[in-house]
Amino acid sequence: MEARNPWEQVLEQLRQSLDGEEFRRWFSQCSFAFDSGDHITVWVPTEPARRHIVANYADHLERALAAIDRSRSYIRFVVSGYAEDEDDEE
């Protein structure tokens, strides 16, 4: 069996704690970019979506990371098509 990436594992946890429509609206278009160990980078479609996820789902994401034994990791949301140095993290 192929190992799932950490973002797929986080999504599985989020599906269990969020309303189906809410999950689809904010997370269905996000995609795994890479895992550096302490950072899991995820592509998001727009800057407003990135801001909304960061502002409203931090607790859910922290719980999901803890559930997959990655509590020391941080999920970094990057708008698709933007280079790392163009990203204006909060």
Protein backbone atom coordinates (compact mmCIF):
# COMPACT_ATOMS: atom_id res chain seq x y z
CA MET A 1 0.00 0.00 0.00
CA GLU A 2 1.30 3.44 -0.96
CA ALA A 3 1.94 5.84 1.91
CA ARG A 4 -0.25 8.92 1.93
CA ASN A 5 1.31 12.34 2.15
CA PRO A 6 0.75 14.27 5.40
CA TRP A 7 -1.73 16.65 3.78
CA GLU A 8 -4.00 13.75 2.83
CA GLN A 9 -3.83 12.60 6.44
CA VAL A 10 -4.71 16.11 7.66
CA LEU A 11 -7.63 16.24 5.23
CA GLU A 12 -8.92 12.94 6.56
CA GLN A 13 -8.94 14.43 10.07
CA LEU A 14 -10.63 17.65 8.88
CA ARG A 15 -13.37 15.68 7.11
CA GLN A 16 -14.30 14.17 10.47
CA SER A 17 -14.58 17.52 12.26
CA LEU A 18 -16.06 19.87 9.64
CA ASP A 19 -19.42 20.08 7.92
CA GLY A 20 -19.21 18.52 4.44
CA GLU A 21 -20.01 21.73 2.57
CA GLU A 22 -17.58 23.75 4.69
CA PHE A 23 -14.86 21.19 4.03
CA ARG A 24 -15.51 21.21 0.25
CA ARG A 25 -15.64 25.01 0.09
CA TRP A 26 -12.30 25.64 1.80
CA PHE A 27 -10.21 22.52 1.33
CA SER A 28 -11.26 20.75 -1.90
CA GLN A 29 -9.04 22.92 -4.10
CA CYS A 30 -6.00 22.80 -1.83
CA SER A 31 -3.21 20.46 -2.88
CA PHE A 32 -0.07 19.08 -1.34
CA ALA A 33 3.16 20.71 -2.54
CA PHE A 34 5.89 19.23 -0.32
CA ASP A 35 6.93 18.19 3.16
CA SER A 36 10.22 19.45 4.58
CA GLY A 37 9.72 17.79 7.94
CA ASP A 38 8.85 20.84 10.02
CA HIS A 39 6.78 22.51 7.27
CA ILE A 40 4.07 20.97 5.13
CA THR A 41 3.48 23.23 2.15
CA VAL A 42 0.02 23.27 0.60
CA TRP A 43 -1.10 25.14 -2.53
CA VAL A 44 -4.33 27.15 -2.27
CA PRO A 45 -6.19 28.68 -5.22
CA THR A 46 -6.48 32.32 -4.07
CA GLU A 47 -5.14 34.75 -1.50
CA PRO A 48 -8.60 35.27 0.08
CA ALA A 49 -8.91 31.49 0.50
CA ARG A 50 -5.46 31.35 2.11
CA ARG A 51 -6.34 34.15 4.53
CA HIS A 52 -9.67 32.55 5.42
CA ILE A 53 -8.15 29.14 6.10
CA VAL A 54 -5.33 30.59 8.23
CA ALA A 55 -7.73 32.83 10.18
CA ASN A 56 -10.55 30.35 10.73
CA TYR A 57 -9.09 26.86 10.80
CA ALA A 58 -5.87 27.13 12.83
CA ASP A 59 -7.30 25.13 15.74
CA HIS A 60 -8.68 22.43 13.45
CA LEU A 61 -5.34 22.18 11.66
CA GLU A 62 -3.38 21.95 14.92
CA ARG A 63 -5.65 19.14 16.15
CA ALA A 64 -5.33 17.33 12.82
CA LEU A 65 -1.52 17.57 12.95
CA ALA A 66 -1.52 16.24 16.52
CA ALA A 67 -3.76 13.34 15.45
CA ILE A 68 -1.25 12.27 12.80
CA ASP A 69 1.70 12.69 15.17
CA ARG A 70 2.98 15.86 13.47
CA SER A 71 2.26 18.38 16.24
CA ARG A 72 5.71 19.96 15.74
CA SER A 73 4.99 20.62 12.06
CA TYR A 74 3.50 23.77 10.57
CA ILE A 75 1.24 23.89 7.51
CA ARG A 76 2.27 26.68 5.19
CA PHE A 77 -0.42 27.73 2.70
CA VAL A 78 0.90 29.26 -0.51
CA VAL A 79 -1.22 30.69 -3.30
CA SER A 80 -0.73 28.66 -6.47
CA GLY A 81 1.59 30.36 -8.89
CA TYR A 82 3.39 32.53 -6.32
CA ALA A 83 7.04 32.02 -5.60
CA GLU A 84 8.05 31.58 -1.97
CA ASP A 85 9.61 35.05 -1.78
CA GLU A 86 6.40 36.65 -3.06
CA ASP A 87 4.29 35.14 -0.28
CA ASP A 88 3.36 37.62 2.43
CA GLU A 89 2.96 35.42 5.48
CA GLU A 90 1.25 36.85 8.49
